[in-house]
C-alpha atoms as a PDB file:
ATOM      1  CA  MET A   1     -11.267   2.911  40.021  1.00  0.00           C
ATOM      2  CA  GLN A   2     -13.635   1.491  37.085  1.00  0.00           C
ATOM      3  CA  LYS A   3     -15.138   4.860  36.439  1.00  0.00           C
ATOM      4  CA  ASP A   4     -11.373   5.987  36.036  1.00  0.00           C
ATOM      5  CA  ASN A   5     -10.479   3.257  33.668  1.00  0.00           C
ATOM      6  CA  VAL A   6     -13.449   4.106  31.304  1.00  0.00           C
ATOM      7  CA  ASN A   7     -12.680   7.783  31.141  1.00  0.00           C
ATOM      8  CA  GLU A   8      -8.869   6.766  30.318  1.00  0.00           C
ATOM      9  CA  ASN A   9     -10.413   4.281  27.527  1.00  0.00           C
ATOM     10  CA  VAL A  10     -12.779   7.020  26.218  1.00  0.00           C
ATOM     11  CA  LEU A  11      -9.737   9.603  26.104  1.00  0.00           C
ATOM     12  CA  GLU A  12      -7.605   7.101  24.233  1.00  0.00           C
ATOM     13  CA  ARG A  13     -10.076   6.554  21.743  1.00  0.00           C
ATOM     14  CA  LEU A  14     -10.858  10.566  21.267  1.00  0.00           C
ATOM     15  CA  SER A  15      -7.052  10.882  20.601  1.00  0.00           C
ATOM     16  CA  GLU A  16      -6.975   8.691  18.075  1.00  0.00           C
ATOM     17  CA  LEU A  17     -10.031   9.428  16.400  1.00  0.00           C
ATOM     18  CA  LEU A  18      -8.642  13.355  16.593  1.00  0.00           C
ATOM     19  CA  GLU A  19      -5.275  11.898  14.970  1.00  0.00           C
ATOM     20  CA  LYS A  20      -7.306  10.318  12.122  1.00  0.00           C
ATOM     21  CA  CYS A  21      -9.428  13.465  11.678  1.00  0.00           C
ATOM     22  CA  LEU A  22      -6.341  15.500  11.418  1.00  0.00           C
ATOM     23  CA  GLU A  23      -4.745  12.873   9.205  1.00  0.00           C
ATOM     24  CA  SER A  24      -7.587  13.042   6.767  1.00  0.00           C
ATOM     25  CA  ALA A  25      -7.938  16.422   7.047  1.00  0.00           C
ATOM     26  CA  ALA A  26      -4.083  16.981   5.924  1.00  0.00           C
ATOM     27  CA  ASN A  27      -4.777  14.573   2.730  1.00  0.00           C
ATOM     28  CA  ILE A  28      -7.946  16.493   1.700  1.00  0.00           C
ATOM     29  CA  GLU A  29      -6.082  20.080   2.298  1.00  0.00           C
ATOM     30  CA  ARG A  30      -3.419  18.438  -0.013  1.00  0.00           C
ATOM     31  CA  LYS A  31      -5.721  17.140  -2.541  1.00  0.00           C
ATOM     32  CA  MET A  32      -7.393  20.753  -2.837  1.00  0.00           C
ATOM     33  CA  ASP A  33      -3.929  22.354  -3.068  1.00  0.00           C
ATOM     34  CA  ALA A  34      -3.193  20.180  -6.216  1.00  0.00           C
ATOM     35  CA  VAL A  35      -6.775  20.744  -7.984  1.00  0.00           C
ATOM     36  CA  ILE A  36      -6.674  24.228  -7.128  1.00  0.00           C
ATOM     37  CA  GLY A  37      -2.955  24.725  -7.911  1.00  0.00           C
ATOM     38  CA  GLY A  38      -3.527  22.417 -11.225  1.00  0.00           C
ATOM     39  CA  GLU A  39      -6.462  24.719 -12.459  1.00  0.00           C
ATOM     40  CA  ALA A  40      -4.405  27.782 -11.690  1.00  0.00           C
ATOM     41  CA  ARG A  41      -1.561  26.974 -13.778  1.00  0.00           C
END
């Protein structure tokens, strides 16, 4: 039982971290697009 609980917690943490990473990546991508777009114009 204990081990399953730990695995669940780890998975939960990982999915939270993954979500944050994806959000950050999306933000960076938007900034890059803005910078590149600004230079191109």
